[in-house]
N, C-alpha and C. Protein backbone atom coordinates (compact mmCIF):
# COMPACT_ATOMS: atom_id res chain seq x y z
N UNK A 1 99.37 65.21 95.47
CA UNK A 1 100.78 64.72 94.78
C UNK A 1 101.11 65.67 94.07
N UNK A 2 99.51 65.10 93.03
CA UNK A 2 99.89 65.32 91.76
C UNK A 2 99.91 66.84 91.54
N UNK A 3 98.41 67.94 92.05
CA UNK A 3 98.40 68.83 92.00
C UNK A 3 100.18 69.53 92.97
N UNK A 4 100.65 69.51 93.71
CA UNK A 4 102.45 69.71 94.09
C UNK A 4 103.19 69.73 93.15
N UNK A 5 103.67 68.68 92.19
CA UNK A 5 103.76 68.45 91.14
C UNK A 5 103.35 69.32 89.28
N UNK A 6 102.14 69.89 89.77
CA UNK A 6 102.03 70.40 88.67
C UNK A 6 102.83 71.63 89.06
N UNK A 7 102.62 72.41 90.46
CA UNK A 7 102.56 73.34 90.89
C UNK A 7 104.13 73.45 90.26
N UNK A 8 105.56 72.94 90.93
CA UNK A 8 106.69 72.52 90.80
C UNK A 8 106.92 72.48 89.98
N UNK A 9 106.10 72.03 88.89
CA UNK A 9 106.55 72.75 86.85
C UNK A 9 106.43 74.12 86.50
N UNK A 10 105.33 73.96 86.89
CA UNK A 10 104.63 75.10 86.88
C UNK A 10 105.49 76.77 87.15
N UNK A 11 106.67 76.16 88.37
CA UNK A 11 107.42 77.04 88.24
C UNK A 11 109.14 77.14 88.34
N UNK A 12 109.06 75.96 87.68
CA UNK A 12 110.13 75.78 86.98
C UNK A 12 110.04 76.49 85.36
N UNK A 13 109.28 76.52 84.51
CA UNK A 13 109.20 76.78 83.34
C UNK A 13 109.05 77.98 83.82
N UNK A 14 108.55 78.72 84.84
CA UNK A 14 108.80 80.30 84.90
C UNK A 14 109.22 80.81 85.21
N UNK A 15 110.50 80.13 86.36
CA UNK A 15 112.00 80.49 86.22
C UNK A 15 112.67 80.71 85.81
N UNK A 16 112.76 79.19 84.57
CA UNK A 16 113.99 79.59 83.10
C UNK A 16 113.40 80.02 82.19
N UNK A 17 111.62 81.04 82.27
CA UNK A 17 111.83 81.73 81.45
C UNK A 17 112.31 83.33 81.40
N UNK A 18 113.08 82.97 83.01
CA UNK A 18 113.13 84.27 82.62
C UNK A 18 114.80 84.68 82.88
N UNK A 19 115.66 83.60 83.04
CA UNK A 19 116.71 83.07 83.25
C UNK A 19 117.03 84.04 82.37
N UNK A 20 118.37 84.67 82.68
CA UNK A 20 118.70 85.40 81.54
C UNK A 20 120.16 84.78 80.52
N UNK A 21 120.13 84.90 79.41
CA UNK A 21 120.98 84.00 78.42
C UNK A 21 121.92 84.89 78.94
N UNK A 22 123.35 83.83 78.84
CA UNK A 22 124.52 84.62 79.11
C UNK A 22 124.95 85.78 78.21
N UNK A 23 125.49 86.78 79.19
CA UNK A 23 125.42 88.22 78.27
C UNK A 23 126.19 88.75 78.52
N UNK A 24 127.76 89.38 77.52
CA UNK A 24 129.40 89.77 78.10
C UNK A 24 129.15 91.23 78.30
N UNK A 25 128.34 91.81 77.95
CA UNK A 25 128.67 93.00 78.37
C UNK A 25 127.56 93.82 79.43
N UNK A 26 128.23 94.46 80.15
CA UNK A 26 127.51 95.31 81.47
C UNK A 26 126.40 95.82 81.57
N UNK A 27 126.02 96.52 80.26
CA UNK A 27 124.55 96.59 80.16
C UNK A 27 123.05 95.98 79.60
N UNK A 28 123.69 94.35 80.12
CA UNK A 28 122.60 93.57 80.10
C UNK A 28 121.27 93.51 80.51
N UNK A 29 121.27 92.05 80.46
CA UNK A 29 120.16 92.12 81.65
C UNK A 29 120.18 91.94 83.31
N UNK A 30 118.84 92.44 83.86
CA UNK A 30 118.94 93.08 85.68
C UNK A 30 117.87 91.74 86.08
N UNK A 31 118.49 91.73 87.21
CA UNK A 31 117.65 90.36 87.81
C UNK A 31 117.78 91.16 89.94
N UNK A 32 116.91 90.87 90.08
CA UNK A 32 116.06 91.20 91.64
C UNK A 32 115.06 90.57 92.18
N UNK A 33 115.89 89.59 93.49
CA UNK A 33 115.07 88.88 94.65
C UNK A 33 114.77 89.67 95.47
N UNK A 34 113.17 89.53 95.83
CA UNK A 34 113.16 90.24 97.70
C UNK A 34 112.25 89.32 97.81
N UNK A 35 112.64 89.05 99.23
CA UNK A 35 111.58 88.01 100.12
C UNK A 35 111.41 88.80 101.32
N UNK A 36 110.26 88.44 101.88
CA UNK A 36 109.97 88.96 103.05
C UNK A 36 109.02 87.86 103.80
N UNK A 37 109.30 87.44 104.58
CA UNK A 37 108.40 86.91 105.87
C UNK A 37 107.24 87.03 106.59
N UNK A 38 106.67 86.20 106.28
CA UNK A 38 104.83 87.00 106.69
C UNK A 38 104.72 85.22 107.28
N UNK A 39 104.23 85.72 108.85
CA UNK A 39 103.18 84.40 109.49
C UNK A 39 102.33 84.40 108.86
N UNK A 40 101.86 82.40 108.44
CA UNK A 40 100.52 81.81 107.63
C UNK A 40 100.49 80.77 109.30
N UNK A 41 100.61 80.74 110.69
CA UNK A 41 99.79 80.56 111.72
C UNK A 41 100.49 80.92 112.99
N UNK A 42 100.46 79.99 113.83
CA UNK A 42 101.14 80.74 115.34
C UNK A 42 102.88 80.78 115.26
N UNK A 43 102.80 79.28 115.03
CA UNK A 43 104.23 78.66 113.92
C UNK A 43 105.09 78.32 113.15
N UNK A 44 104.53 79.59 112.20
CA UNK A 44 104.64 78.98 110.87
C UNK A 44 104.60 80.04 109.56
N UNK A 45 106.18 80.51 109.63
CA UNK A 45 106.47 81.56 108.91
C UNK A 45 107.16 81.53 107.72
N UNK A 46 106.15 82.04 106.45
CA UNK A 46 106.61 81.57 105.05
C UNK A 46 107.78 82.86 104.60
N UNK A 47 107.91 82.68 103.45
CA UNK A 47 108.53 83.99 103.04
C UNK A 47 108.41 83.34 101.37
N UNK A 48 107.60 85.43 101.41
CA UNK A 48 106.92 85.44 99.68
C UNK A 48 108.15 86.24 98.96
N UNK A 49 108.07 85.97 98.15
CA UNK A 49 109.35 86.27 97.12
C UNK A 49 108.72 87.15 95.74
N UNK A 50 109.32 88.08 95.83
CA UNK A 50 109.14 88.63 94.71
C UNK A 50 110.25 89.11 93.91
N UNK A 51 110.23 88.30 92.08
CA UNK A 51 111.48 88.36 91.66
C UNK A 51 111.38 89.31 90.02
N UNK A 52 111.91 89.95 90.04
CA UNK A 52 111.77 91.02 89.22
C UNK A 52 113.03 91.05 87.94
N UNK A 53 113.05 91.17 86.94
CA UNK A 53 113.98 90.80 85.40
C UNK A 53 113.71 91.79 84.82
N UNK A 54 114.19 92.77 84.27
CA UNK A 54 114.73 93.65 82.96
C UNK A 54 115.38 92.92 81.71
N UNK A 55 115.06 92.77 80.73
CA UNK A 55 115.68 92.29 79.61
C UNK A 55 116.57 92.66 78.65
N UNK A 56 117.46 92.32 78.22
CA UNK A 56 118.21 93.69 77.24
C UNK A 56 117.57 94.68 76.48
N UNK A 57 115.71 94.61 76.46
CA UNK A 57 114.97 95.06 75.47
C UNK A 57 115.18 96.29 76.58
N UNK A 58 115.01 96.57 77.74
CA UNK A 58 114.45 97.29 78.73
C UNK A 58 112.79 97.27 79.22
N UNK A 59 112.29 95.64 78.89
CA UNK A 59 111.71 94.67 79.02
C UNK A 59 111.12 94.44 80.42
N UNK A 60 109.98 94.26 81.42
CA UNK A 60 110.10 93.98 82.97
C UNK A 60 108.97 93.60 83.50
N UNK A 61 110.15 91.97 83.58
CA UNK A 61 109.05 90.60 84.21
C UNK A 61 109.11 90.77 85.97
N UNK A 62 107.95 90.13 86.12
CA UNK A 62 108.17 90.43 87.18
C UNK A 62 107.39 88.21 87.72
N UNK A 63 107.83 87.76 88.99
CA UNK A 63 107.35 86.69 89.45
C UNK A 63 107.28 86.92 90.07
N UNK A 64 106.30 86.43 90.59
CA UNK A 64 105.85 85.55 92.73
C UNK A 64 106.21 84.35 93.21
N UNK A 65 106.61 84.20 93.99
CA UNK A 65 106.32 82.71 94.83
C UNK A 65 106.69 82.87 96.26
N UNK A 66 106.25 81.49 96.75
CA UNK A 66 106.41 81.05 98.41
C UNK A 66 107.84 80.56 98.23
N UNK A 67 108.12 80.60 100.21
CA UNK A 67 109.05 79.49 100.06
C UNK A 67 108.32 78.91 101.64
N UNK A 68 108.16 77.90 101.99
CA UNK A 68 107.16 77.35 103.14
C UNK A 68 108.70 76.90 104.00
N UNK A 69 108.46 76.79 105.76
CA UNK A 69 109.21 77.11 106.37
C UNK A 69 110.24 75.85 106.49
N UNK A 70 109.93 74.86 105.46
CA UNK A 70 111.22 73.51 104.66
C UNK A 70 112.32 74.68 103.52
N UNK A 71 112.21 75.56 103.46
CA UNK A 71 112.43 75.44 102.46
C UNK A 71 111.99 75.38 101.15
N UNK A 72 110.96 74.33 100.94
CA UNK A 72 110.31 74.54 99.97
C UNK A 72 109.11 75.19 99.18
N UNK A 73 109.97 75.89 97.72
CA UNK A 73 109.15 77.23 96.96
C UNK A 73 107.69 76.55 96.79
N UNK A 74 106.56 77.43 96.44
CA UNK A 74 105.13 76.91 95.97
C UNK A 74 104.54 77.98 95.53
N UNK A 75 103.48 78.02 93.83
CA UNK A 75 102.81 78.78 94.11
C UNK A 75 101.64 78.76 94.73
N UNK A 76 101.49 80.03 95.85
CA UNK A 76 100.04 80.54 96.63
C UNK A 76 98.88 80.10 95.66
N UNK A 77 97.64 79.44 95.57
CA UNK A 77 96.53 79.47 94.97
C UNK A 77 95.35 80.31 95.56
N UNK A 78 95.04 81.94 95.07
CA UNK A 78 94.41 82.59 95.81
C UNK A 78 92.71 82.41 95.38
């Protein structure tokens, strides 16, 4: 349980660092999220999501996380 809480905390911090700051001009930061279903067992399908964020300086950041069959996000340890 402690490991799951630590993973969730890390995911929240990683997502918070990618959150765009309020910006009024149209050429500001851009964010793209794509999720692909992955069969992890016979009757279990999880989603592998990749979030790409480009800040106002053109730097590109990428984060990966997974969503289980119940909709809970997690970081996969491989």
